[in-house]
Amino acid sequence: MLSLAALQCSLVLTGSRAASTSQRAATSMLTQDELKKMVGYKAVDDYVKSGMVVGLGTGSTAYFAVQRVGEKLKSDELKDIVAIPTSVRTKEQAEELGIPLTTLGTPESRFSKLDVAIDGADAVDPALNLIKGGGGALLREKMVEVQAKQFIVIVDESKLCDGLGPGFPLPVEITPFCW
């Protein structure tokens, strides 16, 4: 569980809890992937600006945020972005899209001073406690996101829960380090 009490966190949400009455009818007609794309694009449009160091998350919703960063760089809406991916899969996607990449601790990352990180979550409770890492990138996600001034969590309504626990298995990552 990652508690976001110490981080400046924003939750970008799709679905009926996020929408007005008129928006609910429109979003109820959308597929799950269309909702994920909508929230991924909105997070980038609202929080990513030229010149930023950006943490790129992993997973089916973060995929669309990465896609949007690539589109905006290609169209010159964004310039001078450098990104830090949270998984090999995200690194490969970003490279295909022409997103400049670096890693933590480099001069390009301003020595790990990220402006924003955008990622999904497996479960979110009302206090914004998260379960992350169900897709296997737990350690890298945590390392990148804790370095960001602002962490944007992008989820659809299906990820919201009353409390964290038995509905989703708690990920544990074993990292081969100094064996």
N, C-alpha and C. Protein backbone atom coordinates (compact mmCIF):
# COMPACT_ATOMS: atom_id res chain seq x y z
N MET A 1 0.85 -1.18 0.00
CA MET A 1 0.00 0.00 0.00
C MET A 1 0.89 1.24 0.00
N LEU A 2 0.53 2.17 -0.83
CA LEU A 2 1.25 3.45 -0.90
C LEU A 2 0.30 4.52 -0.40
N SER A 3 0.67 5.17 0.67
CA SER A 3 -0.15 6.24 1.18
C SER A 3 0.36 7.55 0.61
N LEU A 4 -0.56 8.36 0.13
CA LEU A 4 -0.17 9.59 -0.53
C LEU A 4 -0.31 10.81 0.36
N ALA A 5 -0.43 10.61 1.65
CA ALA A 5 -0.61 11.74 2.55
C ALA A 5 0.57 12.71 2.48
N ALA A 6 1.77 12.21 2.26
CA ALA A 6 2.95 13.08 2.25
C ALA A 6 3.25 13.66 0.88
N LEU A 7 2.57 13.18 -0.15
CA LEU A 7 2.82 13.66 -1.50
C LEU A 7 1.70 14.58 -1.94
N GLN A 8 2.03 15.53 -2.82
CA GLN A 8 0.96 16.31 -3.44
C GLN A 8 0.38 15.42 -4.52
N CYS A 9 -0.85 15.01 -4.36
CA CYS A 9 -1.46 14.03 -5.23
C CYS A 9 -2.76 14.57 -5.80
N SER A 10 -2.99 14.24 -7.04
CA SER A 10 -4.26 14.56 -7.68
C SER A 10 -4.81 13.28 -8.25
N LEU A 11 -6.11 13.14 -8.21
CA LEU A 11 -6.78 11.96 -8.74
C LEU A 11 -7.59 12.38 -9.94
N VAL A 12 -7.26 11.82 -11.10
CA VAL A 12 -8.03 12.07 -12.31
C VAL A 12 -8.90 10.83 -12.51
N LEU A 13 -10.19 11.03 -12.57
CA LEU A 13 -11.14 9.94 -12.50
C LEU A 13 -12.10 10.00 -13.67
N THR A 14 -12.45 8.82 -14.19
CA THR A 14 -13.53 8.75 -15.16
C THR A 14 -14.65 7.94 -14.56
N GLY A 15 -15.81 8.06 -15.16
CA GLY A 15 -16.96 7.28 -14.70
C GLY A 15 -17.97 8.15 -13.99
N SER A 16 -18.99 7.51 -13.46
CA SER A 16 -20.12 8.27 -12.92
C SER A 16 -19.77 9.09 -11.68
N ARG A 17 -18.79 8.69 -10.90
CA ARG A 17 -18.45 9.48 -9.71
C ARG A 17 -17.77 10.79 -10.09
N ALA A 18 -17.14 10.83 -11.27
CA ALA A 18 -16.41 12.03 -11.69
C ALA A 18 -17.26 12.96 -12.53
N ALA A 19 -18.36 12.47 -13.05
CA ALA A 19 -19.09 13.21 -14.07
C ALA A 19 -20.33 13.89 -13.53
N SER A 20 -20.72 14.96 -14.22
CA SER A 20 -22.00 15.59 -13.94
C SER A 20 -23.08 14.69 -14.54
N THR A 21 -24.34 15.01 -14.30
CA THR A 21 -25.43 14.19 -14.81
C THR A 21 -25.38 14.06 -16.33
N SER A 22 -25.15 15.16 -17.03
CA SER A 22 -25.10 15.09 -18.49
C SER A 22 -23.87 14.32 -18.97
N GLN A 23 -22.76 14.44 -18.25
CA GLN A 23 -21.55 13.71 -18.63
C GLN A 23 -21.71 12.23 -18.36
N ARG A 24 -22.46 11.85 -17.32
CA ARG A 24 -22.65 10.44 -16.99
C ARG A 24 -23.26 9.67 -18.14
N ALA A 25 -24.25 10.26 -18.77
CA ALA A 25 -24.90 9.58 -19.89
C ALA A 25 -23.91 9.37 -21.03
N ALA A 26 -23.08 10.36 -21.30
CA ALA A 26 -22.11 10.25 -22.38
C ALA A 26 -21.03 9.22 -22.05
N THR A 27 -20.51 9.23 -20.82
CA THR A 27 -19.44 8.30 -20.47
C THR A 27 -19.95 6.88 -20.30
N SER A 28 -21.22 6.70 -19.99
CA SER A 28 -21.74 5.34 -19.85
C SER A 28 -21.79 4.62 -21.18
N MET A 29 -21.72 5.35 -22.28
CA MET A 29 -21.74 4.76 -23.62
C MET A 29 -20.33 4.38 -24.07
N LEU A 30 -19.31 4.79 -23.33
CA LEU A 30 -17.93 4.54 -23.72
C LEU A 30 -17.45 3.19 -23.21
N THR A 31 -16.52 2.59 -23.94
CA THR A 31 -15.91 1.34 -23.49
C THR A 31 -14.89 1.65 -22.40
N GLN A 32 -14.44 0.60 -21.71
CA GLN A 32 -13.41 0.76 -20.66
C GLN A 32 -12.15 1.38 -21.24
N ASP A 33 -11.72 0.94 -22.42
CA ASP A 33 -10.52 1.51 -23.04
C ASP A 33 -10.72 2.97 -23.43
N GLU A 34 -11.90 3.34 -23.87
CA GLU A 34 -12.17 4.74 -24.21
C GLU A 34 -12.11 5.62 -22.96
N LEU A 35 -12.61 5.10 -21.84
CA LEU A 35 -12.53 5.84 -20.58
C LEU A 35 -11.08 5.99 -20.12
N LYS A 36 -10.30 4.92 -20.25
CA LYS A 36 -8.89 4.97 -19.88
C LYS A 36 -8.15 5.98 -20.75
N LYS A 37 -8.44 5.98 -22.03
CA LYS A 37 -7.80 6.94 -22.94
C LYS A 37 -8.17 8.36 -22.55
N MET A 38 -9.45 8.59 -22.23
CA MET A 38 -9.92 9.92 -21.85
C MET A 38 -9.17 10.45 -20.63
N VAL A 39 -9.02 9.61 -19.61
CA VAL A 39 -8.38 10.08 -18.37
C VAL A 39 -6.87 10.20 -18.56
N GLY A 40 -6.26 9.32 -19.34
CA GLY A 40 -4.83 9.42 -19.62
C GLY A 40 -4.49 10.69 -20.37
N TYR A 41 -5.30 11.01 -21.38
CA TYR A 41 -5.09 12.23 -22.15
C TYR A 41 -5.33 13.47 -21.29
N LYS A 42 -6.37 13.44 -20.47
CA LYS A 42 -6.68 14.60 -19.62
C LYS A 42 -5.53 14.88 -18.64
N ALA A 43 -4.97 13.84 -18.08
CA ALA A 43 -3.85 14.04 -17.14
C ALA A 43 -2.68 14.74 -17.83
N VAL A 44 -2.34 14.31 -19.03
CA VAL A 44 -1.22 14.94 -19.74
C VAL A 44 -1.59 16.37 -20.14
N ASP A 45 -2.80 16.55 -20.68
CA ASP A 45 -3.22 17.89 -21.11
C ASP A 45 -3.24 18.88 -19.95
N ASP A 46 -3.63 18.42 -18.77
CA ASP A 46 -3.77 19.32 -17.61
C ASP A 46 -2.48 19.52 -16.81
N TYR A 47 -1.58 18.55 -16.81
CA TYR A 47 -0.46 18.60 -15.87
C TYR A 47 0.93 18.60 -16.50
N VAL A 48 1.07 18.25 -17.76
CA VAL A 48 2.40 18.18 -18.37
C VAL A 48 2.62 19.42 -19.24
N LYS A 49 3.69 20.13 -18.97
CA LYS A 49 4.04 21.36 -19.70
C LYS A 49 5.45 21.21 -20.28
N SER A 50 5.75 22.03 -21.28
CA SER A 50 7.07 22.03 -21.89
C SER A 50 8.14 22.27 -20.83
N GLY A 51 9.29 21.61 -21.01
CA GLY A 51 10.42 21.79 -20.12
C GLY A 51 10.40 20.92 -18.88
N MET A 52 9.39 20.08 -18.72
CA MET A 52 9.25 19.28 -17.50
C MET A 52 10.04 17.97 -17.57
N VAL A 53 10.36 17.46 -16.39
CA VAL A 53 10.83 16.10 -16.21
C VAL A 53 9.62 15.32 -15.72
N VAL A 54 9.25 14.26 -16.47
CA VAL A 54 7.99 13.57 -16.27
C VAL A 54 8.22 12.09 -15.98
N GLY A 55 7.60 11.58 -14.94
CA GLY A 55 7.59 10.15 -14.66
C GLY A 55 6.44 9.50 -15.42
N LEU A 56 6.76 8.47 -16.19
CA LEU A 56 5.75 7.77 -16.99
C LEU A 56 5.42 6.43 -16.36
N GLY A 57 4.17 6.25 -15.99
CA GLY A 57 3.73 5.05 -15.32
C GLY A 57 3.59 3.84 -16.23
N THR A 58 3.11 2.77 -15.63
CA THR A 58 2.97 1.48 -16.30
C THR A 58 1.55 0.98 -16.14
N GLY A 59 1.04 0.34 -17.16
CA GLY A 59 -0.26 -0.29 -17.07
C GLY A 59 -1.19 0.17 -18.17
N SER A 60 -2.39 -0.38 -18.15
CA SER A 60 -3.33 -0.16 -19.25
C SER A 60 -3.86 1.27 -19.31
N THR A 61 -3.93 1.96 -18.20
CA THR A 61 -4.38 3.36 -18.22
C THR A 61 -3.21 4.30 -18.49
N ALA A 62 -2.08 4.05 -17.86
CA ALA A 62 -0.88 4.87 -18.08
C ALA A 62 -0.42 4.80 -19.53
N TYR A 63 -0.70 3.70 -20.21
CA TYR A 63 -0.35 3.54 -21.63
C TYR A 63 -0.86 4.74 -22.43
N PHE A 64 -2.09 5.16 -22.14
CA PHE A 64 -2.68 6.27 -22.90
C PHE A 64 -2.04 7.61 -22.55
N ALA A 65 -1.58 7.77 -21.31
CA ALA A 65 -0.87 9.00 -20.95
C ALA A 65 0.45 9.07 -21.71
N VAL A 66 1.15 7.96 -21.80
CA VAL A 66 2.41 7.91 -22.55
C VAL A 66 2.14 8.23 -24.02
N GLN A 67 1.09 7.64 -24.55
CA GLN A 67 0.70 7.89 -25.94
C GLN A 67 0.46 9.38 -26.17
N ARG A 68 -0.21 10.03 -25.24
CA ARG A 68 -0.52 11.46 -25.38
C ARG A 68 0.75 12.32 -25.32
N VAL A 69 1.68 11.98 -24.45
CA VAL A 69 2.95 12.72 -24.40
C VAL A 69 3.64 12.62 -25.76
N GLY A 70 3.67 11.43 -26.33
CA GLY A 70 4.28 11.24 -27.64
C GLY A 70 3.60 12.05 -28.73
N GLU A 71 2.26 12.08 -28.72
CA GLU A 71 1.51 12.86 -29.71
C GLU A 71 1.81 14.35 -29.58
N LYS A 72 1.83 14.84 -28.35
CA LYS A 72 2.06 16.28 -28.14
C LYS A 72 3.49 16.69 -28.47
N LEU A 73 4.45 15.80 -28.26
CA LEU A 73 5.83 16.09 -28.68
C LEU A 73 5.92 16.12 -30.20
N LYS A 74 5.29 15.16 -30.84
CA LYS A 74 5.34 15.08 -32.31
C LYS A 74 4.71 16.31 -32.96
N SER A 75 3.64 16.82 -32.36
CA SER A 75 2.95 18.00 -32.91
C SER A 75 3.57 19.32 -32.45
N ASP A 76 4.62 19.25 -31.65
CA ASP A 76 5.30 20.42 -31.08
C ASP A 76 4.46 21.19 -30.07
N GLU A 77 3.37 20.59 -29.56
CA GLU A 77 2.63 21.21 -28.45
C GLU A 77 3.46 21.16 -27.18
N LEU A 78 4.31 20.15 -27.07
CA LEU A 78 5.26 20.03 -25.96
C LEU A 78 6.66 20.04 -26.53
N LYS A 79 7.57 20.67 -25.77
CA LYS A 79 8.98 20.70 -26.16
C LYS A 79 9.84 20.51 -24.92
N ASP A 80 11.04 20.03 -25.14
CA ASP A 80 12.03 19.90 -24.07
C ASP A 80 11.53 19.07 -22.89
N ILE A 81 10.83 18.00 -23.20
CA ILE A 81 10.38 17.06 -22.17
C ILE A 81 11.44 15.96 -22.04
N VAL A 82 11.70 15.53 -20.84
CA VAL A 82 12.49 14.32 -20.63
C VAL A 82 11.68 13.47 -19.66
N ALA A 83 11.63 12.17 -19.93
CA ALA A 83 10.77 11.29 -19.15
C ALA A 83 11.56 10.14 -18.53
N ILE A 84 11.04 9.66 -17.43
CA ILE A 84 11.62 8.52 -16.73
C ILE A 84 10.55 7.44 -16.68
N PRO A 85 10.75 6.33 -17.41
CA PRO A 85 9.76 5.26 -17.43
C PRO A 85 9.84 4.39 -16.17
N THR A 86 8.70 3.81 -15.79
CA THR A 86 8.66 2.98 -14.59
C THR A 86 8.73 1.49 -14.90
N SER A 87 8.90 1.13 -16.17
CA SER A 87 9.03 -0.29 -16.53
C SER A 87 9.69 -0.41 -17.89
N VAL A 88 10.12 -1.60 -18.21
CA VAL A 88 10.69 -1.88 -19.53
C VAL A 88 9.62 -1.67 -20.60
N ARG A 89 8.41 -2.11 -20.32
CA ARG A 89 7.31 -1.95 -21.30
C ARG A 89 7.06 -0.47 -21.60
N THR A 90 7.03 0.37 -20.59
CA THR A 90 6.82 1.81 -20.80
C THR A 90 8.02 2.42 -21.52
N LYS A 91 9.22 1.97 -21.20
CA LYS A 91 10.43 2.45 -21.88
C LYS A 91 10.33 2.15 -23.38
N GLU A 92 9.94 0.94 -23.73
CA GLU A 92 9.82 0.56 -25.14
C GLU A 92 8.75 1.38 -25.85
N GLN A 93 7.62 1.60 -25.20
CA GLN A 93 6.54 2.41 -25.80
C GLN A 93 7.03 3.84 -26.01
N ALA A 94 7.68 4.41 -25.01
CA ALA A 94 8.17 5.79 -25.12
C ALA A 94 9.21 5.93 -26.22
N GLU A 95 10.11 4.96 -26.33
CA GLU A 95 11.11 4.99 -27.40
C GLU A 95 10.46 4.96 -28.78
N GLU A 96 9.45 4.11 -28.93
CA GLU A 96 8.72 4.03 -30.21
C GLU A 96 8.06 5.36 -30.56
N LEU A 97 7.64 6.11 -29.55
CA LEU A 97 6.96 7.39 -29.75
C LEU A 97 7.94 8.56 -29.84
N GLY A 98 9.22 8.31 -29.65
CA GLY A 98 10.22 9.37 -29.74
C GLY A 98 10.30 10.26 -28.51
N ILE A 99 9.87 9.75 -27.37
CA ILE A 99 9.95 10.51 -26.13
C ILE A 99 11.36 10.39 -25.56
N PRO A 100 12.06 11.51 -25.33
CA PRO A 100 13.41 11.45 -24.75
C PRO A 100 13.35 10.87 -23.33
N LEU A 101 14.26 9.93 -23.05
CA LEU A 101 14.24 9.24 -21.77
C LEU A 101 15.55 9.41 -21.02
N THR A 102 15.45 9.30 -19.72
CA THR A 102 16.61 9.26 -18.84
C THR A 102 16.25 8.36 -17.67
N THR A 103 17.07 8.35 -16.66
CA THR A 103 16.80 7.58 -15.46
C THR A 103 17.02 8.47 -14.24
N LEU A 104 16.66 7.98 -13.10
CA LEU A 104 16.85 8.75 -11.87
C LEU A 104 18.33 9.00 -11.61
N GLY A 105 18.62 10.13 -10.99
CA GLY A 105 19.98 10.44 -10.57
C GLY A 105 20.87 11.04 -11.63
N THR A 106 20.31 11.37 -12.78
CA THR A 106 21.11 11.93 -13.88
C THR A 106 20.92 13.44 -13.96
N PRO A 107 21.87 14.13 -14.60
CA PRO A 107 21.67 15.58 -14.81
C PRO A 107 20.38 15.87 -15.58
N GLU A 108 20.04 15.00 -16.55
CA GLU A 108 18.82 15.22 -17.34
C GLU A 108 17.55 15.13 -16.48
N SER A 109 17.61 14.35 -15.42
CA SER A 109 16.45 14.22 -14.51
C SER A 109 16.51 15.27 -13.41
N ARG A 110 17.41 16.25 -13.58
CA ARG A 110 17.66 17.25 -12.53
C ARG A 110 17.99 16.55 -11.22
N PHE A 111 18.74 15.46 -11.36
CA PHE A 111 19.12 14.64 -10.22
C PHE A 111 17.90 14.21 -9.41
N SER A 112 16.94 13.65 -10.15
CA SER A 112 15.73 13.04 -9.59
C SER A 112 14.73 14.05 -9.06
N LYS A 113 14.71 15.24 -9.61
CA LYS A 113 13.71 16.23 -9.23
C LYS A 113 12.66 16.29 -10.36
N LEU A 114 11.69 15.39 -10.29
CA LEU A 114 10.66 15.30 -11.31
C LEU A 114 9.57 16.33 -11.03
N ASP A 115 9.04 16.91 -12.10
CA ASP A 115 7.94 17.85 -11.96
C ASP A 115 6.63 17.13 -11.68
N VAL A 116 6.41 16.03 -12.40
CA VAL A 116 5.15 15.31 -12.29
C VAL A 116 5.38 13.85 -12.67
N ALA A 117 4.62 12.97 -12.05
CA ALA A 117 4.57 11.56 -12.45
C ALA A 117 3.11 11.20 -12.63
N ILE A 118 2.82 10.45 -13.68
CA ILE A 118 1.45 10.04 -13.98
C ILE A 118 1.42 8.53 -14.05
N ASP A 119 0.51 7.93 -13.26
CA ASP A 119 0.41 6.48 -13.24
C ASP A 119 -0.97 6.07 -12.76
N GLY A 120 -1.33 4.87 -13.04
CA GLY A 120 -2.59 4.31 -12.57
C GLY A 120 -2.41 3.66 -11.22
N ALA A 121 -3.44 3.00 -10.76
CA ALA A 121 -3.41 2.27 -9.49
C ALA A 121 -4.33 1.07 -9.62
N ASP A 122 -4.09 0.06 -8.80
CA ASP A 122 -4.92 -1.14 -8.81
C ASP A 122 -6.16 -0.97 -7.93
N ALA A 123 -6.03 -0.18 -6.88
CA ALA A 123 -7.15 0.10 -5.98
C ALA A 123 -6.87 1.43 -5.28
N VAL A 124 -7.95 2.20 -5.03
CA VAL A 124 -7.84 3.50 -4.36
C VAL A 124 -8.96 3.60 -3.33
N ASP A 125 -8.59 3.90 -2.07
CA ASP A 125 -9.62 4.06 -1.05
C ASP A 125 -9.97 5.55 -0.89
N PRO A 126 -10.98 5.89 -0.09
CA PRO A 126 -11.40 7.29 0.05
C PRO A 126 -10.31 8.22 0.59
N ALA A 127 -9.34 7.70 1.33
CA ALA A 127 -8.25 8.52 1.87
C ALA A 127 -7.09 8.64 0.88
N LEU A 128 -7.27 8.17 -0.35
CA LEU A 128 -6.26 8.16 -1.41
C LEU A 128 -5.08 7.25 -1.10
N ASN A 129 -5.29 6.22 -0.28
CA ASN A 129 -4.31 5.16 -0.14
C ASN A 129 -4.46 4.27 -1.37
N LEU A 130 -3.34 3.79 -1.87
CA LEU A 130 -3.35 3.03 -3.12
C LEU A 130 -2.76 1.64 -2.94
N ILE A 131 -3.23 0.74 -3.76
CA ILE A 131 -2.50 -0.49 -4.03
C ILE A 131 -1.97 -0.34 -5.44
N LYS A 132 -0.66 -0.46 -5.57
CA LYS A 132 0.00 -0.36 -6.86
C LYS A 132 0.91 -1.56 -7.03
N GLY A 133 1.30 -1.80 -8.24
CA GLY A 133 2.30 -2.83 -8.50
C GLY A 133 1.74 -4.17 -8.86
N GLY A 134 0.43 -4.26 -9.07
CA GLY A 134 -0.17 -5.54 -9.45
C GLY A 134 0.34 -6.04 -10.79
N GLY A 135 0.83 -5.11 -11.62
CA GLY A 135 1.37 -5.49 -12.91
C GLY A 135 2.85 -5.83 -12.86
N GLY A 136 3.48 -5.73 -11.71
CA GLY A 136 4.87 -6.17 -11.56
C GLY A 136 5.92 -5.07 -11.60
N ALA A 137 5.54 -3.80 -11.62
CA ALA A 137 6.52 -2.71 -11.67
C ALA A 137 6.56 -1.92 -10.37
N LEU A 138 6.21 -2.55 -9.28
CA LEU A 138 6.03 -1.87 -7.99
C LEU A 138 7.24 -1.04 -7.57
N LEU A 139 8.42 -1.61 -7.55
CA LEU A 139 9.59 -0.88 -7.05
C LEU A 139 9.92 0.31 -7.92
N ARG A 140 9.99 0.12 -9.23
CA ARG A 140 10.32 1.24 -10.13
C ARG A 140 9.26 2.33 -10.06
N GLU A 141 7.99 1.93 -10.01
CA GLU A 141 6.92 2.93 -9.89
C GLU A 141 7.11 3.76 -8.64
N LYS A 142 7.34 3.10 -7.53
CA LYS A 142 7.48 3.80 -6.26
C LYS A 142 8.69 4.74 -6.26
N MET A 143 9.80 4.27 -6.81
CA MET A 143 11.03 5.08 -6.84
C MET A 143 10.83 6.35 -7.66
N VAL A 144 10.16 6.23 -8.80
CA VAL A 144 9.93 7.40 -9.66
C VAL A 144 8.90 8.33 -9.03
N GLU A 145 7.79 7.79 -8.57
CA GLU A 145 6.69 8.62 -8.10
C GLU A 145 7.01 9.37 -6.82
N VAL A 146 7.83 8.81 -5.96
CA VAL A 146 8.17 9.51 -4.72
C VAL A 146 9.09 10.70 -5.00
N GLN A 147 9.75 10.73 -6.16
CA GLN A 147 10.63 11.84 -6.52
C GLN A 147 9.89 13.00 -7.19
N ALA A 148 8.62 12.81 -7.51
CA ALA A 148 7.87 13.83 -8.24
C ALA A 148 7.27 14.86 -7.29
N LYS A 149 7.29 16.13 -7.72
CA LYS A 149 6.63 17.18 -6.96
C LYS A 149 5.13 16.93 -6.91
N GLN A 150 4.60 16.39 -8.00
CA GLN A 150 3.17 16.10 -8.05
C GLN A 150 2.98 14.72 -8.68
N PHE A 151 2.17 13.89 -8.04
CA PHE A 151 1.87 12.54 -8.52
C PHE A 151 0.39 12.51 -8.92
N ILE A 152 0.16 12.27 -10.21
CA ILE A 152 -1.19 12.23 -10.74
C ILE A 152 -1.61 10.78 -10.88
N VAL A 153 -2.64 10.39 -10.17
CA VAL A 153 -3.16 9.02 -10.23
C VAL A 153 -4.34 9.02 -11.20
N ILE A 154 -4.25 8.19 -12.22
CA ILE A 154 -5.32 8.11 -13.21
C ILE A 154 -5.99 6.74 -13.09
N VAL A 155 -7.27 6.79 -12.77
CA VAL A 155 -8.03 5.54 -12.60
C VAL A 155 -9.44 5.73 -13.15
N ASP A 156 -10.07 4.60 -13.42
CA ASP A 156 -11.49 4.64 -13.73
C ASP A 156 -12.23 4.21 -12.47
N GLU A 157 -13.53 4.34 -12.51
CA GLU A 157 -14.36 4.09 -11.33
C GLU A 157 -14.19 2.68 -10.76
N SER A 158 -13.84 1.72 -11.59
CA SER A 158 -13.71 0.34 -11.12
C SER A 158 -12.58 0.16 -10.10
N LYS A 159 -11.66 1.10 -10.03
CA LYS A 159 -10.52 1.01 -9.10
C LYS A 159 -10.82 1.59 -7.73
N LEU A 160 -11.94 2.29 -7.58
CA LEU A 160 -12.29 2.89 -6.30
C LEU A 160 -12.91 1.83 -5.39
N CYS A 161 -12.52 1.88 -4.12
CA CYS A 161 -13.05 0.90 -3.16
C CYS A 161 -13.24 1.58 -1.81
N ASP A 162 -14.05 0.96 -0.96
CA ASP A 162 -14.29 1.52 0.37
C ASP A 162 -13.09 1.36 1.29
N GLY A 163 -12.32 0.31 1.08
CA GLY A 163 -11.13 0.06 1.88
C GLY A 163 -10.23 -0.91 1.15
N LEU A 164 -8.94 -0.78 1.38
CA LEU A 164 -7.98 -1.68 0.73
C LEU A 164 -7.99 -3.01 1.47
N GLY A 165 -7.86 -4.06 0.72
CA GLY A 165 -7.84 -5.35 1.39
C GLY A 165 -8.10 -6.51 0.47
N PRO A 166 -9.03 -7.36 0.88
CA PRO A 166 -9.16 -8.65 0.22
C PRO A 166 -9.60 -8.61 -1.25
N GLY A 167 -10.09 -7.50 -1.73
CA GLY A 167 -10.55 -7.43 -3.12
C GLY A 167 -9.42 -7.48 -4.13
N PHE A 168 -8.20 -7.17 -3.71
CA PHE A 168 -7.06 -7.18 -4.62
C PHE A 168 -5.85 -7.70 -3.85
N PRO A 169 -5.15 -8.69 -4.40
CA PRO A 169 -3.98 -9.21 -3.68
C PRO A 169 -2.91 -8.13 -3.53
N LEU A 170 -2.28 -8.09 -2.39
CA LEU A 170 -1.24 -7.12 -2.11
C LEU A 170 0.05 -7.54 -2.81
N PRO A 171 0.55 -6.72 -3.74
CA PRO A 171 1.78 -7.08 -4.46
C PRO A 171 3.01 -7.05 -3.55
N VAL A 172 3.89 -7.98 -3.76
CA VAL A 172 5.18 -8.02 -3.10
C VAL A 172 6.21 -8.22 -4.20
N GLU A 173 7.20 -7.35 -4.25
CA GLU A 173 8.22 -7.47 -5.28
C GLU A 173 9.54 -7.88 -4.64
N ILE A 174 10.14 -8.91 -5.18
CA ILE A 174 11.46 -9.37 -4.74
C ILE A 174 12.46 -8.83 -5.76
N THR A 175 13.41 -8.05 -5.29
CA THR A 175 14.37 -7.43 -6.18
C THR A 175 15.75 -8.03 -5.96
N PRO A 176 16.32 -8.64 -7.01
CA PRO A 176 17.68 -9.18 -6.85
C PRO A 176 18.68 -8.05 -6.74
N PHE A 177 19.19 -7.83 -5.56
CA PHE A 177 20.10 -6.72 -5.31
C PHE A 177 21.07 -7.16 -4.22
N CYS A 178 22.33 -7.10 -4.50
CA CYS A 178 23.37 -7.47 -3.52
C CYS A 178 23.21 -8.90 -3.01
N TRP A 179 22.92 -9.83 -3.88
CA TRP A 179 22.78 -11.22 -3.45
C TRP A 179 24.11 -11.79 -3.11
